[in-house]
Each structure stands twice: as structure tokens, then as C-alpha cells.
C-alpha atoms as a PDB file:
ATOM      1  CA  MET A   1       0.000   0.000   0.000  1.00  0.00           C
ATOM      2  CA  PHE A   2       1.079   3.563  -0.463  1.00  0.00           C
ATOM      3  CA  LYS A   3       2.411   4.066   3.041  1.00  0.00           C
ATOM      4  CA  GLY A   4       3.738   7.472   4.023  1.00  0.00           C
ATOM      5  CA  LEU A   5       1.533   9.398   1.645  1.00  0.00           C
ATOM      6  CA  ILE A   6      -0.744  10.732   4.371  1.00  0.00           C
ATOM      7  CA  ALA A   7      -0.874  11.504   8.049  1.00  0.00           C
ATOM      8  CA  PRO A   8      -2.844   9.125  10.268  1.00  0.00           C
ATOM      9  CA  LYS A   9      -5.733  11.581  10.618  1.00  0.00           C
ATOM     10  CA  HIS A  10      -7.477  13.440   7.819  1.00  0.00           C
ATOM     11  CA  ASP A  11     -10.151  16.075   7.830  1.00  0.00           C
ATOM     12  CA  MET A  12     -12.883  15.175   5.373  1.00  0.00           C
ATOM     13  CA  GLY A  13     -14.009  17.761   2.873  1.00  0.00           C
ATOM     14  CA  GLU A  14     -17.085  17.417   0.685  1.00  0.00           C
ATOM     15  CA  MET A  15     -18.862  14.597  -1.046  1.00  0.00           C
ATOM     16  CA  LEU A  16     -17.667  14.552  -4.649  1.00  0.00           C
ATOM     17  CA  TYR A  17     -19.691  11.642  -5.956  1.00  0.00           C
ATOM     18  CA  GLN A  18     -22.637   9.492  -4.919  1.00  0.00           C
ATOM     19  CA  GLY A  19     -22.557   6.099  -6.598  1.00  0.00           C
ATOM     20  CA  LYS A  20     -24.875   3.122  -6.421  1.00  0.00           C
ATOM     21  CA  VAL A  21     -23.162   1.658  -3.348  1.00  0.00           C
ATOM     22  CA  LYS A  22     -20.556   4.170  -2.175  1.00  0.00           C
ATOM     23  CA  GLN A  23     -19.781   7.847  -1.687  1.00  0.00           C
ATOM     24  CA  VAL A  24     -16.491   9.503  -2.628  1.00  0.00           C
ATOM     25  CA  TRP A  25     -15.285  12.328  -0.358  1.00  0.00           C
ATOM     26  CA  SER A  26     -12.389  14.763  -0.631  1.00  0.00           C
ATOM     27  CA  THR A  27      -9.842  15.089   2.189  1.00  0.00           C
ATOM     28  CA  ASP A  28      -7.384  17.765   3.260  1.00  0.00           C
ATOM     29  CA  ASP A  29      -4.821  16.098   0.977  1.00  0.00           C
ATOM     30  CA  PRO A  30      -5.633  16.773  -2.713  1.00  0.00           C
ATOM     31  CA  ASP A  31      -4.136  13.397  -3.710  1.00  0.00           C
ATOM     32  CA  ILE A  32      -6.231  11.351  -1.249  1.00  0.00           C
ATOM     33  CA  LEU A  33      -9.928  10.482  -1.358  1.00  0.00           C
ATOM     34  CA  GLU A  34     -12.154   8.659   1.094  1.00  0.00           C
ATOM     35  CA  PHE A  35     -14.536   5.920  -0.017  1.00  0.00           C
ATOM     36  CA  ARG A  36     -17.594   5.497   2.194  1.00  0.00           C
ATOM     37  CA  PHE A  37     -19.457   2.276   1.506  1.00  0.00           C
ATOM     38  CA  THR A  38     -23.198   2.335   2.045  1.00  0.00           C
ATOM     39  CA  ASN A  39     -25.624  -0.485   2.806  1.00  0.00           C
ATOM     40  CA  GLN A  40     -27.417   0.074  -0.493  1.00  0.00           C
ATOM     41  CA  ILE A  41     -27.612  -2.682  -3.075  1.00  0.00           C
ATOM     42  CA  SER A  42     -28.189  -2.410  -6.804  1.00  0.00           C
ATOM     43  CA  VAL A  43     -29.029  -4.774  -9.647  1.00  0.00           C
ATOM     44  CA  PHE A  44     -29.563  -4.119 -13.367  1.00  0.00           C
ATOM     45  CA  ASP A  45     -28.185  -0.568 -12.850  1.00  0.00           C
ATOM     46  CA  GLN A  46     -31.052   0.214 -10.442  1.00  0.00           C
ATOM     47  CA  ILE A  47     -30.671   1.009  -6.742  1.00  0.00           C
ATOM     48  CA  ILE A  48     -33.019  -1.141  -4.682  1.00  0.00           C
ATOM     49  CA  PRO A  49     -35.006   0.872  -2.083  1.00  0.00           C
ATOM     50  CA  SER A  50     -33.917  -1.526   0.700  1.00  0.00           C
ATOM     51  CA  LEU A  51     -30.786  -1.470   2.893  1.00  0.00           C
ATOM     52  CA  ILE A  52     -28.697  -4.546   3.697  1.00  0.00           C
ATOM     53  CA  PRO A  53     -27.240  -4.313   7.252  1.00  0.00           C
ATOM     54  CA  ARG A  54     -23.401  -4.131   7.326  1.00  0.00           C
ATOM     55  CA  LYS A  55     -23.129  -4.684   3.580  1.00  0.00           C
ATOM     56  CA  GLY A  56     -20.839  -1.661   3.217  1.00  0.00           C
ATOM     57  CA  GLU A  57     -18.501  -3.054   5.851  1.00  0.00           C
ATOM     58  CA  SER A  58     -18.354  -6.392   4.058  1.00  0.00           C
ATOM     59  CA  LEU A  59     -17.424  -4.759   0.729  1.00  0.00           C
ATOM     60  CA  ASN A  60     -14.782  -2.496   2.263  1.00  0.00           C
ATOM     61  CA  ARG A  61     -13.049  -5.159   4.336  1.00  0.00           C
ATOM     62  CA  THR A  62     -13.189  -7.808   1.601  1.00  0.00           C
ATOM     63  CA  THR A  63     -11.632  -5.541  -1.024  1.00  0.00           C
ATOM     64  CA  ALA A  64      -8.932  -4.426   1.425  1.00  0.00           C
ATOM     65  CA  HIS A  65      -8.096  -8.088   2.023  1.00  0.00           C
ATOM     66  CA  TRP A  66      -7.559  -8.688  -1.705  1.00  0.00           C
ATOM     67  CA  PHE A  67      -5.559  -5.476  -2.155  1.00  0.00           C
ATOM     68  CA  LYS A  68      -3.184  -6.594   0.602  1.00  0.00           C
ATOM     69  CA  LEU A  69      -2.609 -10.023  -0.940  1.00  0.00           C
ATOM     70  CA  ILE A  70      -2.092  -8.590  -4.422  1.00  0.00           C
ATOM     71  CA  GLU A  71       0.535  -6.159  -3.202  1.00  0.00           C
ATOM     72  CA  GLN A  72       2.241  -8.848  -1.100  1.00  0.00           C
ATOM     73  CA  GLU A  73       2.573 -11.050  -4.180  1.00  0.00           C
ATOM     74  CA  GLY A  74       3.753  -8.157  -6.364  1.00  0.00           C
ATOM     75  CA  ILE A  75       1.046  -8.591  -9.001  1.00  0.00           C
ATOM     76  CA  CYS A  76       0.427  -4.859  -9.470  1.00  0.00           C
ATOM     77  CA  GLY A  77      -0.020  -1.615  -7.591  1.00  0.00           C
ATOM     78  CA  THR A  78      -3.300  -0.641  -5.939  1.00  0.00           C
ATOM     79  CA  HIS A  79      -4.830   2.675  -4.982  1.00  0.00           C
ATOM     80  CA  LEU A  80      -5.534   1.680  -1.366  1.00  0.00           C
ATOM     81  CA  VAL A  81      -3.761   3.805   1.238  1.00  0.00           C
ATOM     82  CA  GLU A  82      -5.405   2.519   4.409  1.00  0.00           C
ATOM     83  CA  VAL A  83      -8.651   1.271   5.890  1.00  0.00           C
ATOM     84  CA  ASN A  84      -9.657   4.039   8.304  1.00  0.00           C
ATOM     85  CA  SER A  85     -13.004   2.584   9.433  1.00  0.00           C
ATOM     86  CA  THR A  86     -14.916  -0.660   8.998  1.00  0.00           C
ATOM     87  CA  ASP A  87     -16.905   0.797   6.098  1.00  0.00           C
ATOM     88  CA  ARG A  88     -14.438   3.443   4.866  1.00  0.00           C
ATOM     89  CA  CYS A  89     -11.004   3.568   3.281  1.00  0.00           C
ATOM     90  CA  LEU A  90      -8.531   6.149   2.015  1.00  0.00           C
ATOM     91  CA  VAL A  91      -7.332   5.787  -1.560  1.00  0.00           C
ATOM     92  CA  ARG A  92      -4.934   7.514  -3.930  1.00  0.00           C
ATOM     93  CA  LYS A  93      -6.880   9.841  -6.213  1.00  0.00           C
ATOM     94  CA  VAL A  94      -6.854   9.070  -9.928  1.00  0.00           C
ATOM     95  CA  GLU A  95      -7.981  11.531 -12.577  1.00  0.00           C
ATOM     96  CA  VAL A  96     -11.179  10.554 -14.371  1.00  0.00           C
ATOM     97  CA  ILE A  97     -11.603  11.715 -17.974  1.00  0.00           C
ATOM     98  CA  LYS A  98     -14.958  10.600 -19.384  1.00  0.00           C
ATOM     99  CA  GLU A  99     -14.634  11.918 -22.939  1.00  0.00           C
ATOM    100  CA  PRO A 100     -13.785   8.986 -25.241  1.00  0.00           C
ATOM    101  CA  GLY A 101     -10.249   9.082 -26.615  1.00  0.00           C
ATOM    102  CA  ALA A 102      -9.263  12.175 -24.623  1.00  0.00           C
ATOM    103  CA  ILE A 103      -6.768  10.678 -22.156  1.00  0.00           C
ATOM    104  CA  PRO A 104      -3.215  11.894 -22.938  1.00  0.00           C
ATOM    105  CA  ARG A 105      -0.767   9.081 -23.677  1.00  0.00           C
ATOM    106  CA  ASP A 106       1.728  10.400 -21.111  1.00  0.00           C
ATOM    107  CA  MET A 107      -0.714  11.015 -18.243  1.00  0.00           C
ATOM    108  CA  GLU A 108      -0.137   9.222 -14.924  1.00  0.00           C
ATOM    109  CA  TRP A 109      -2.597   8.413 -12.124  1.00  0.00           C
ATOM    110  CA  VAL A 110      -5.416   8.355 -14.657  1.00  0.00           C
ATOM    111  CA  PHE A 111      -8.463   6.071 -14.644  1.00  0.00           C
ATOM    112  CA  VAL A 112      -8.878   3.656 -17.552  1.00  0.00           C
ATOM    113  CA  PRO A 113     -12.532   4.230 -18.580  1.00  0.00           C
ATOM    114  CA  LEU A 114     -13.395   0.553 -19.085  1.00  0.00           C
ATOM    115  CA  GLU A 115     -14.583  -2.429 -17.070  1.00  0.00           C
ATOM    116  CA  PHE A 116     -12.790  -5.762 -17.375  1.00  0.00           C
ATOM    117  CA  ILE A 117     -14.730  -9.000 -16.922  1.00  0.00           C
ATOM    118  CA  CYS A 118     -13.164 -12.436 -16.580  1.00  0.00           C
ATOM    119  CA  ARG A 119     -15.375 -15.523 -16.759  1.00  0.00           C
ATOM    120  CA  HIS A 120     -14.351 -19.023 -15.699  1.00  0.00           C
ATOM    121  CA  TYR A 121     -17.734 -20.781 -15.910  1.00  0.00           C
ATOM    122  CA  LEU A 122     -20.760 -20.369 -18.193  1.00  0.00           C
ATOM    123  CA  SER A 123     -23.308 -18.539 -16.068  1.00  0.00           C
ATOM    124  CA  GLY A 124     -25.225 -15.311 -15.524  1.00  0.00           C
ATOM    125  CA  SER A 125     -25.524 -12.949 -18.458  1.00  0.00           C
ATOM    126  CA  ALA A 126     -22.993 -14.976 -20.478  1.00  0.00           C
ATOM    127  CA  TRP A 127     -25.294 -17.993 -20.256  1.00  0.00           C
ATOM    128  CA  ARG A 128     -28.266 -15.899 -21.395  1.00  0.00           C
ATOM    129  CA  ARG A 129     -26.231 -14.504 -24.319  1.00  0.00           C
ATOM    130  CA  PHE A 130     -25.084 -18.024 -25.188  1.00  0.00           C
ATOM    131  CA  GLN A 131     -28.701 -19.201 -25.285  1.00  0.00           C
ATOM    132  CA  ARG A 132     -29.607 -16.292 -27.595  1.00  0.00           C
ATOM    133  CA  GLY A 133     -26.702 -17.077 -29.920  1.00  0.00           C
ATOM    134  CA  GLU A 134     -24.850 -13.846 -29.077  1.00  0.00           C
ATOM    135  CA  LEU A 135     -21.895 -15.855 -27.727  1.00  0.00           C
ATOM    136  CA  THR A 136     -20.815 -18.887 -29.725  1.00  0.00           C
ATOM    137  CA  PRO A 137     -19.407 -22.221 -28.494  1.00  0.00           C
ATOM    138  CA  GLU A 138     -16.190 -21.381 -30.365  1.00  0.00           C
ATOM    139  CA  GLN A 139     -15.789 -18.072 -28.514  1.00  0.00           C
ATOM    140  CA  LEU A 140     -16.311 -19.697 -25.126  1.00  0.00           C
ATOM    141  CA  GLY A 141     -14.527 -22.962 -25.829  1.00  0.00           C
ATOM    142  CA  VAL A 142     -17.525 -25.126 -24.905  1.00  0.00           C
ATOM    143  CA  ALA A 143     -19.651 -27.755 -26.625  1.00  0.00           C
ATOM    144  CA  PRO A 144     -22.783 -26.485 -28.458  1.00  0.00           C
ATOM    145  CA  ASP A 145     -24.996 -28.560 -26.153  1.00  0.00           C
ATOM    146  CA  CYS A 146     -23.238 -27.637 -22.898  1.00  0.00           C
ATOM    147  CA  GLU A 147     -25.239 -26.914 -19.765  1.00  0.00           C
ATOM    148  CA  TYR A 148     -25.426 -23.981 -17.373  1.00  0.00           C
ATOM    149  CA  GLY A 149     -22.400 -23.987 -15.085  1.00  0.00           C
ATOM    150  CA  THR A 150     -19.979 -25.603 -17.528  1.00  0.00           C
ATOM    151  CA  LYS A 151     -16.352 -24.770 -16.738  1.00  0.00           C
ATOM    152  CA  LEU A 152     -14.720 -22.904 -19.624  1.00  0.00           C
ATOM    153  CA  ASN A 153     -11.576 -24.360 -21.204  1.00  0.00           C
ATOM    154  CA  LYS A 154      -9.767 -21.106 -20.413  1.00  0.00           C
ATOM    155  CA  PRO A 155     -10.693 -17.737 -18.864  1.00  0.00           C
ATOM    156  CA  PHE A 156     -12.937 -15.650 -21.128  1.00  0.00           C
ATOM    157  CA  LEU A 157     -12.009 -11.966 -21.029  1.00  0.00           C
ATOM    158  CA  GLU A 158     -14.460  -9.215 -21.957  1.00  0.00           C
ATOM    159  CA  VAL A 159     -14.340  -5.427 -21.903  1.00  0.00           C
ATOM    160  CA  THR A 160     -17.343  -3.162 -21.390  1.00  0.00           C
ATOM    161  CA  THR A 161     -17.956   0.550 -21.454  1.00  0.00           C
ATOM    162  CA  LYS A 162     -17.880   2.451 -18.180  1.00  0.00           C
ATOM    163  CA  PHE A 163     -19.434   5.843 -18.733  1.00  0.00           C
ATOM    164  CA  GLU A 164     -22.376   5.055 -20.994  1.00  0.00           C
ATOM    165  CA  LYS A 165     -25.894   4.852 -19.568  1.00  0.00           C
ATOM    166  CA  PHE A 166     -25.698   1.056 -19.619  1.00  0.00           C
ATOM    167  CA  ASP A 167     -22.584  -1.115 -19.787  1.00  0.00           C
ATOM    168  CA  ARG A 168     -21.954  -2.393 -23.317  1.00  0.00           C
ATOM    169  CA  ASN A 169     -19.637  -5.159 -24.444  1.00  0.00           C
ATOM    170  CA  ILE A 170     -17.039  -3.815 -26.857  1.00  0.00           C
ATOM    171  CA  THR A 171     -14.215  -5.089 -29.058  1.00  0.00           C
ATOM    172  CA  THR A 172     -10.537  -4.645 -28.272  1.00  0.00           C
ATOM    173  CA  GLU A 173     -10.353  -2.055 -31.036  1.00  0.00           C
ATOM    174  CA  GLU A 174     -13.134   0.050 -29.536  1.00  0.00           C
ATOM    175  CA  ALA A 175     -11.625  -0.336 -26.058  1.00  0.00           C
ATOM    176  CA  LEU A 176      -8.369   1.152 -27.366  1.00  0.00           C
ATOM    177  CA  GLU A 177     -10.249   4.006 -29.045  1.00  0.00           C
ATOM    178  CA  ILE A 178     -12.274   4.884 -25.953  1.00  0.00           C
ATOM    179  CA  SER A 179      -9.373   4.690 -23.516  1.00  0.00           C
ATOM    180  CA  ASN A 180      -6.578   5.916 -25.827  1.00  0.00           C
ATOM    181  CA  ILE A 181      -4.178   3.557 -24.080  1.00  0.00           C
ATOM    182  CA  THR A 182      -1.680   1.515 -26.067  1.00  0.00           C
ATOM    183  CA  GLU A 183      -2.165  -2.092 -27.052  1.00  0.00           C
ATOM    184  CA  GLY A 184       0.726  -2.987 -24.743  1.00  0.00           C
ATOM    185  CA  GLU A 185      -0.954  -1.242 -21.807  1.00  0.00           C
ATOM    186  CA  LEU A 186      -4.231  -3.029 -22.533  1.00  0.00           C
ATOM    187  CA  ASN A 187      -2.454  -6.384 -22.654  1.00  0.00           C
ATOM    188  CA  ALA A 188      -0.724  -5.548 -19.364  1.00  0.00           C
ATOM    189  CA  ILE A 189      -4.161  -5.024 -17.793  1.00  0.00           C
ATOM    190  CA  PHE A 190      -5.411  -8.335 -19.211  1.00  0.00           C
ATOM    191  CA  ASP A 191      -2.340 -10.040 -17.730  1.00  0.00           C
ATOM    192  CA  VAL A 192      -3.052  -8.536 -14.295  1.00  0.00           C
ATOM    193  CA  VAL A 193      -6.708  -9.628 -14.483  1.00  0.00           C
ATOM    194  CA  LEU A 194      -5.642 -13.238 -15.064  1.00  0.00           C
ATOM    195  CA  LYS A 195      -3.063 -13.139 -12.259  1.00  0.00           C
ATOM    196  CA  VAL A 196      -5.503 -11.567  -9.794  1.00  0.00           C
ATOM    197  CA  ASP A 197      -8.165 -14.138 -10.630  1.00  0.00           C
ATOM    198  CA  ALA A 198      -5.645 -16.958 -10.165  1.00  0.00           C
ATOM    199  CA  LEU A 199      -4.942 -15.600  -6.675  1.00  0.00           C
ATOM    200  CA  ILE A 200      -8.650 -15.268  -5.894  1.00  0.00           C
ATOM    201  CA  GLU A 201      -9.350 -18.791  -7.144  1.00  0.00           C
ATOM    202  CA  ARG A 202      -6.555 -20.185  -4.979  1.00  0.00           C
ATOM    203  CA  GLU A 203      -7.704 -18.393  -1.827  1.00  0.00           C
ATOM    204  CA  ALA A 204     -11.426 -19.032  -2.347  1.00  0.00           C
ATOM    205  CA  ALA A 205     -10.820 -22.755  -2.804  1.00  0.00           C
ATOM    206  CA  LYS A 206      -9.372 -22.943   0.721  1.00  0.00           C
ATOM    207  CA  ASN A 207     -12.875 -22.422   2.108  1.00  0.00           C
ATOM    208  CA  GLY A 208     -14.832 -24.448  -0.421  1.00  0.00           C
ATOM    209  CA  LEU A 209     -15.684 -21.680  -2.876  1.00  0.00           C
ATOM    210  CA  ILE A 210     -15.592 -21.502  -6.663  1.00  0.00           C
ATOM    211  CA  HIS A 211     -14.828 -18.106  -8.227  1.00  0.00           C
ATOM    212  CA  VAL A 212     -17.175 -18.060 -11.217  1.00  0.00           C
ATOM    213  CA  ASP A 213     -16.522 -14.622 -12.709  1.00  0.00           C
ATOM    214  CA  GLY A 214     -15.869 -11.013 -11.747  1.00  0.00           C
ATOM    215  CA  LYS A 215     -15.178  -7.504 -12.964  1.00  0.00           C
ATOM    216  CA  LYS A 216     -12.351  -5.068 -12.233  1.00  0.00           C
ATOM    217  CA  GLU A 217     -11.342  -1.474 -12.884  1.00  0.00           C
ATOM    218  CA  PHE A 218      -7.882  -0.008 -13.356  1.00  0.00           C
ATOM    219  CA  ALA A 219      -5.802   3.133 -13.547  1.00  0.00           C
ATOM    220  CA  LEU A 220      -2.355   3.815 -14.945  1.00  0.00           C
ATOM    221  CA  GLY A 221      -0.068   5.061 -12.171  1.00  0.00           C
ATOM    222  CA  PRO A 222       3.600   6.032 -11.994  1.00  0.00           C
ATOM    223  CA  ASN A 223       5.360   5.329 -15.315  1.00  0.00           C
ATOM    224  CA  ARG A 224       1.957   4.194 -16.645  1.00  0.00           C
ATOM    225  CA  LYS A 225       2.115   0.984 -14.615  1.00  0.00           C
ATOM    226  CA  VAL A 226      -1.142  -0.883 -13.999  1.00  0.00           C
ATOM    227  CA  VAL A 227      -2.919   0.023 -10.748  1.00  0.00           C
ATOM    228  CA  LEU A 228      -5.977  -1.871  -9.517  1.00  0.00           C
ATOM    229  CA  VAL A 229      -8.701   0.465  -8.202  1.00  0.00           C
ATOM    230  CA  ASP A 230     -12.215   0.570  -6.763  1.00  0.00           C
ATOM    231  CA  THR A 231     -13.725  -2.661  -5.390  1.00  0.00           C
ATOM    232  CA  PHE A 232     -13.464  -6.252  -6.591  1.00  0.00           C
ATOM    233  CA  GLY A 233     -13.600  -9.815  -5.334  1.00  0.00           C
ATOM    234  CA  THR A 234     -16.792  -9.124  -3.397  1.00  0.00           C
ATOM    235  CA  LEU A 235     -20.380 -10.283  -3.714  1.00  0.00           C
ATOM    236  CA  ASP A 236     -21.198  -7.154  -5.728  1.00  0.00           C
ATOM    237  CA  GLU A 237     -18.606  -7.497  -8.480  1.00  0.00           C
ATOM    238  CA  ASP A 238     -18.061 -11.261  -8.548  1.00  0.00           C
ATOM    239  CA  ARG A 239     -20.037 -14.483  -8.657  1.00  0.00           C
ATOM    240  CA  TRP A 240     -19.337 -17.428  -6.329  1.00  0.00           C
ATOM    241  CA  TRP A 241     -20.569 -21.003  -6.019  1.00  0.00           C
ATOM    242  CA  ASP A 242     -20.240 -23.595  -3.288  1.00  0.00           C
ATOM    243  CA  ALA A 243     -17.621 -26.125  -4.438  1.00  0.00           C
ATOM    244  CA  ALA A 244     -19.149 -29.151  -2.689  1.00  0.00           C
ATOM    245  CA  ALA A 245     -22.564 -28.482  -4.207  1.00  0.00           C
ATOM    246  CA  TYR A 246     -20.999 -28.005  -7.655  1.00  0.00           C
ATOM    247  CA  GLU A 247     -19.387 -31.436  -7.392  1.00  0.00           C
ATOM    248  CA  ASN A 248     -22.917 -32.784  -6.887  1.00  0.00           C
ATOM    249  CA  GLY A 249     -24.233 -31.007  -9.963  1.00  0.00           C
ATOM    250  CA  GLU A 250     -25.668 -27.902  -8.260  1.00  0.00           C
ATOM    251  CA  CYS A 251     -24.756 -24.254  -8.887  1.00  0.00           C
ATOM    252  CA  ILE A 252     -25.658 -22.611  -5.584  1.00  0.00           C
ATOM    253  CA  GLU A 253     -25.343 -18.842  -5.970  1.00  0.00           C
ATOM    254  CA  LEU A 254     -23.349 -17.177  -3.192  1.00  0.00           C
ATOM    255  CA  SER A 255     -23.311 -13.666  -4.613  1.00  0.00           C
ATOM    256  CA  LYS A 256     -25.498 -10.760  -5.628  1.00  0.00           C
ATOM    257  CA  GLU A 257     -26.879 -13.061  -8.311  1.00  0.00           C
ATOM    258  CA  PHE A 258     -29.092 -14.279  -5.450  1.00  0.00           C
ATOM    259  CA  VAL A 259     -30.826 -10.860  -5.482  1.00  0.00           C
ATOM    260  CA  ARG A 260     -30.882 -10.674  -9.283  1.00  0.00           C
ATOM    261  CA  THR A 261     -32.634 -14.039  -9.322  1.00  0.00           C
ATOM    262  CA  HIS A 262     -35.360 -12.650  -7.033  1.00  0.00           C
ATOM    263  CA  TYR A 263     -36.178  -9.903  -9.532  1.00  0.00           C
ATOM    264  CA  ILE A 264     -36.000 -12.303 -12.477  1.00  0.00           C
ATOM    265  CA  GLU A 265     -38.484 -14.607 -10.767  1.00  0.00           C
ATOM    266  CA  THR A 266     -40.858 -11.742  -9.921  1.00  0.00           C
ATOM    267  CA  GLY A 267     -40.843 -10.577 -13.555  1.00  0.00           C
ATOM    268  CA  HIS A 268     -39.199  -7.198 -12.889  1.00  0.00           C
ATOM    269  CA  GLN A 269     -36.127  -7.960 -14.990  1.00  0.00           C
ATOM    270  CA  ALA A 270     -38.306  -8.829 -18.004  1.00  0.00           C
ATOM    271  CA  GLU A 271     -40.319  -5.608 -17.582  1.00  0.00           C
ATOM    272  CA  LEU A 272     -37.105  -3.634 -17.299  1.00  0.00           C
ATOM    273  CA  LYS A 273     -35.616  -5.170 -20.451  1.00  0.00           C
ATOM    274  CA  LYS A 274     -38.826  -4.502 -22.364  1.00  0.00           C
ATOM    275  CA  ALA A 275     -38.781  -0.827 -21.318  1.00  0.00           C
ATOM    276  CA  ARG A 276     -35.117  -0.374 -22.197  1.00  0.00           C
ATOM    277  CA  ASP A 277     -35.504  -2.101 -25.551  1.00  0.00           C
ATOM    278  CA  ALA A 278     -38.392   0.280 -26.303  1.00  0.00           C
ATOM    279  CA  GLY A 279     -36.461   3.325 -25.063  1.00  0.00           C
ATOM    280  CA  THR A 280     -39.068   4.127 -22.416  1.00  0.00           C
ATOM    281  CA  GLU A 281     -38.583   4.998 -18.752  1.00  0.00           C
ATOM    282  CA  ASP A 282     -37.376   2.251 -16.438  1.00  0.00           C
ATOM    283  CA  PRO A 283     -40.093   0.817 -14.196  1.00  0.00           C
ATOM    284  CA  PRO A 284     -39.239   1.475 -10.513  1.00  0.00           C
ATOM    285  CA  ILE A 285     -37.626  -1.464  -8.788  1.00  0.00           C
ATOM    286  CA  PRO A 286     -39.680  -2.783  -5.857  1.00  0.00           C
ATOM    287  CA  GLU A 287     -38.361  -3.157  -2.307  1.00  0.00           C
ATOM    288  CA  LEU A 288     -36.982  -6.504  -1.237  1.00  0.00           C
ATOM    289  CA  PRO A 289     -39.076  -8.632   1.110  1.00  0.00           C
ATOM    290  CA  GLN A 290     -37.689  -8.696   4.667  1.00  0.00           C
ATOM    291  CA  SER A 291     -36.881 -12.382   4.307  1.00  0.00           C
ATOM    292  CA  VAL A 292     -34.628 -11.632   1.299  1.00  0.00           C
ATOM    293  CA  ILE A 293     -33.016  -8.697   3.166  1.00  0.00           C
ATOM    294  CA  ASP A 294     -32.199 -10.980   6.108  1.00  0.00           C
ATOM    295  CA  GLN A 295     -30.860 -13.722   3.843  1.00  0.00           C
ATOM    296  CA  THR A 296     -28.749 -11.235   1.908  1.00  0.00           C
ATOM    297  CA  ALA A 297     -27.261  -9.709   5.073  1.00  0.00           C
ATOM    298  CA  GLU A 298     -26.360 -13.166   6.349  1.00  0.00           C
ATOM    299  CA  LEU A 299     -24.814 -14.021   2.998  1.00  0.00           C
ATOM    300  CA  TYR A 300     -22.578 -10.909   2.974  1.00  0.00           C
ATOM    301  CA  ALA A 301     -21.435 -11.685   6.542  1.00  0.00           C
ATOM    302  CA  SER A 302     -20.770 -15.396   6.007  1.00  0.00           C
ATOM    303  CA  MET A 303     -19.091 -14.846   2.639  1.00  0.00           C
ATOM    304  CA  PHE A 304     -16.719 -12.280   4.128  1.00  0.00           C
ATOM    305  CA  GLU A 305     -15.515 -14.997   6.493  1.00  0.00           C
ATOM    306  CA  ARG A 306     -15.221 -17.623   3.752  1.00  0.00           C
ATOM    307  CA  LEU A 307     -13.338 -15.258   1.411  1.00  0.00           C
ATOM    308  CA  THR A 308     -10.919 -13.835   3.962  1.00  0.00           C
ATOM    309  CA  SER A 309     -10.761 -16.485   6.735  1.00  0.00           C
ATOM    310  CA  GLU A 310     -11.373 -13.623   9.157  1.00  0.00           C
ATOM    311  CA  GLN A 311     -14.224 -13.067  11.628  1.00  0.00           C
ATOM    312  CA  PHE A 312     -16.925 -10.591  10.624  1.00  0.00           C
END
């Protein structure tokens, strides 16, 4: 971590950004920001009007755990400075330039305006795209008649947009155009994604978990070296299954997919897709039943312990 950059105590300034699950605050150091994780939860780019107790703490502490391991193993730099509260952390500020193609080639500490997804099993949206013929067996390295949950022959990397209204899968060529990074820098990010996921897979397996897929975000730091930023390896960004159940032919969701499934089963996801396809206003997302809130809170707590081997 970037030790020595800040004093132990920092006066907080103003809230700069309110995201779906966290707030970003300025500090008295212009190079340092504070992330404050909320107990909100979102699916399908909609914030659910229900709070999940201690969810923010779970996200913050889980991500900090992964950052520490990644730095210990020398995989890449990270933007984490320190965890200053159970649901807050201090991070190195990176410049965010949203205009496509506008990032200077010599700029340092700049956010790469893309999301990187790595899939290890056929599931979630990839499974739905596979069923619709949008992803082919050749692309995924699977048999045409494969089933949900099939392990891919090798990790399947995808890149999506970051600053459009809805995330969109894009080609490598478009990713280079949007970000204005070099092909070598993009390949360096892909290499880090694979190394990070190998670490996550190794650690998760210790407590009977399968790392199904996940997404990550990056910046280019000193000398344009890859820096891992934001949150990852949590129930919000990644999908997890129970390894013992998988061996018995079951894919038991241990991630936010559990909440997505609730809204798929109630029909909200279908209504939402219909509205977006028609270009009309999104239907409001209903509150979660208390039983689902309680189950989700328990899941975030228990999964923190299984991912980190620490007590929640």
C-alpha cells in the first residue's frame, strides 16, 4: 500500500460523488480520497429501495483483504492507502476523464474508462447470451450442447464501457479508441486480471468456494504501470458457487446473483428489459421482502468470512 503518503488523521471535505453503493469524499490532501461504503444494493443498474445491514462493511473489508494479498505477491499496484473505518477507506486519487479518446498518452494516475470481466464458468448474463446465440461455443470454448455452469476451457475476457448509460460489451479495437491507451498497456491489464483471478481462485478454494466470474477497474499510475482500483472480489462485483454443491451437480449462488434471481423470478427484470428495448422509462424497482433482506445480510457476513478467513 502507499504508506507514508498521508498523516494518520485526515479532515474530510465534501462529497464529490454518490454512486450506487458508495460515496467519494475529498480530504485535506488533494491526492487522497475517502470511499464510504453504504448499505445500499443495486441490480440491473437500479438502486433497490432496501438497505442490507453491514453490507458496506463487508465490501470495504473484503476488497482491502484482496488489495493486501495482491501487493504482497507483487502482481500490481493498488490505490488503497489505508482502511480508516470498517466501512471506509482512504485511496490515492486518480484523474477521471470521461470523454472517449481524450486521455493523454503520457498522463499518470489516470483512470482507464473501461470495465474488465473475466469468466471461468458459463453462467449469468454470459449464459443468457449463449442461449440467444450472441456468444458462440467457439468463442467460449464449450460444446454447443453444454449446460449452465460448464467450466470454460480457459478464462474468457471481456471489456465493457464504463461511462455510458448502460454497460456495453465492446471489441478490443473500440476499447483502445475509448481509452486511448496503447495495445501494450491493454495487454498488461489483461495479464493482471488473469493473475488476480488466479490468486482469488486459490484463496477461495481454501474455504470451499468456486470463483465463477468477476469484474475489475484499473488506472495507470507512476510510469503508466497498472494500478488496480475501486472494489473487486466481493459479492457485488463477482459471482461465487459452493464447491461441494458443484461437485454434486448444483450451482448454488453465493453472490449478488441471489438478489438478481429474485427480480427475475418476480418478472421485474423482463419488464425492465422490455422498457429499455423500447427506449421508455425504467419501471421502478420494488423493495426486497424482509426475508430476502435478512438472507442477503447473512450471505454478505458469512461470505466475508469464507473469502478472507477472518471473523466478521
